[in-house]
Amino acid sequence: MSTYSNDPKQTMWEMWFVTSVIVFLATMFVGTIEGSVQMFPHFDMWLGLVFLNLVFCIFNGLKQR
């Protein structure tokens, strides 16, 4: 049995989720670089926004089902 769906809302959520995970992982990687605090002074604010976006994306995806 396939779980593939042609529903446009599902496809949009999948793209949003994959993008959110990639951006979150990239942000976490940048946070591990030495001197990132000096290079990106507002890093903590961006990390919080990226994390909230990922949480909202997951919540929205679970609510959709």
Protein backbone atom coordinates (compact mmCIF):
# COMPACT_ATOMS: atom_id res chain seq x y z
CA MET A 1 0.00 0.00 0.00
CA SER A 2 1.42 3.36 -1.02
CA THR A 3 1.21 6.45 1.17
CA TYR A 4 1.72 8.81 -1.79
CA SER A 5 -0.86 11.57 -1.86
CA ASN A 6 -1.85 13.93 -4.67
CA ASP A 7 -3.41 16.35 -2.19
CA PRO A 8 -1.89 19.82 -2.81
CA LYS A 9 -2.07 20.71 0.91
CA GLN A 10 -0.10 17.58 1.81
CA THR A 11 2.52 18.28 -0.87
CA MET A 12 2.89 21.90 0.30
CA TRP A 13 3.31 20.74 3.90
CA GLU A 14 5.95 18.19 2.88
CA MET A 15 7.97 20.87 1.08
CA TRP A 16 7.58 23.21 4.06
CA PHE A 17 8.70 20.48 6.46
CA VAL A 18 11.76 19.45 4.43
CA THR A 19 12.79 23.10 3.99
CA SER A 20 12.29 23.80 7.71
CA VAL A 21 14.44 20.82 8.70
CA ILE A 22 17.22 21.82 6.28
CA VAL A 23 17.21 25.43 7.53
CA PHE A 24 17.18 24.24 11.17
CA LEU A 25 20.12 21.89 10.61
CA ALA A 26 22.05 24.59 8.71
CA THR A 27 21.42 27.05 11.55
CA MET A 28 22.60 24.50 14.11
CA PHE A 29 25.73 23.89 12.02
CA VAL A 30 26.49 27.62 11.84
CA GLY A 31 26.07 27.77 15.62
CA THR A 32 28.86 25.22 16.07
CA ILE A 33 31.39 27.23 14.05
CA GLU A 34 33.99 28.95 16.17
CA GLY A 35 33.42 32.71 16.24
CA SER A 36 29.83 32.46 15.03
CA VAL A 37 28.62 34.76 17.82
CA GLN A 38 30.88 37.55 16.59
CA MET A 39 30.05 36.83 12.95
CA PHE A 40 26.29 36.66 13.55
CA PRO A 41 25.44 38.83 16.58
CA HIS A 42 21.69 38.04 16.40
CA PHE A 43 22.18 34.29 16.05
CA ASP A 44 20.07 33.42 19.09
CA MET A 45 17.08 35.35 17.70
CA TRP A 46 17.34 33.56 14.33
CA LEU A 47 17.72 30.18 16.01
CA GLY A 48 14.56 30.85 18.01
CA LEU A 49 12.62 31.87 14.91
CA VAL A 50 13.82 28.84 12.95
CA PHE A 51 12.89 26.56 15.85
CA LEU A 52 9.43 28.10 16.18
CA ASN A 53 8.89 27.71 12.43
CA LEU A 54 9.79 24.01 12.66
CA VAL A 55 7.51 23.47 15.66
CA PHE A 56 4.62 25.27 13.94
CA CYS A 57 5.23 23.23 10.78
CA ILE A 58 5.07 19.96 12.71
CA PHE A 59 1.98 21.09 14.61
CA ASN A 60 0.28 22.10 11.36
CA GLY A 61 1.15 18.76 9.75
CA LEU A 62 -0.22 16.78 12.68
CA LYS A 63 -3.38 18.87 12.76
CA GLN A 64 -3.96 18.25 9.05
CA ARG A 65 -4.47 14.50 9.44
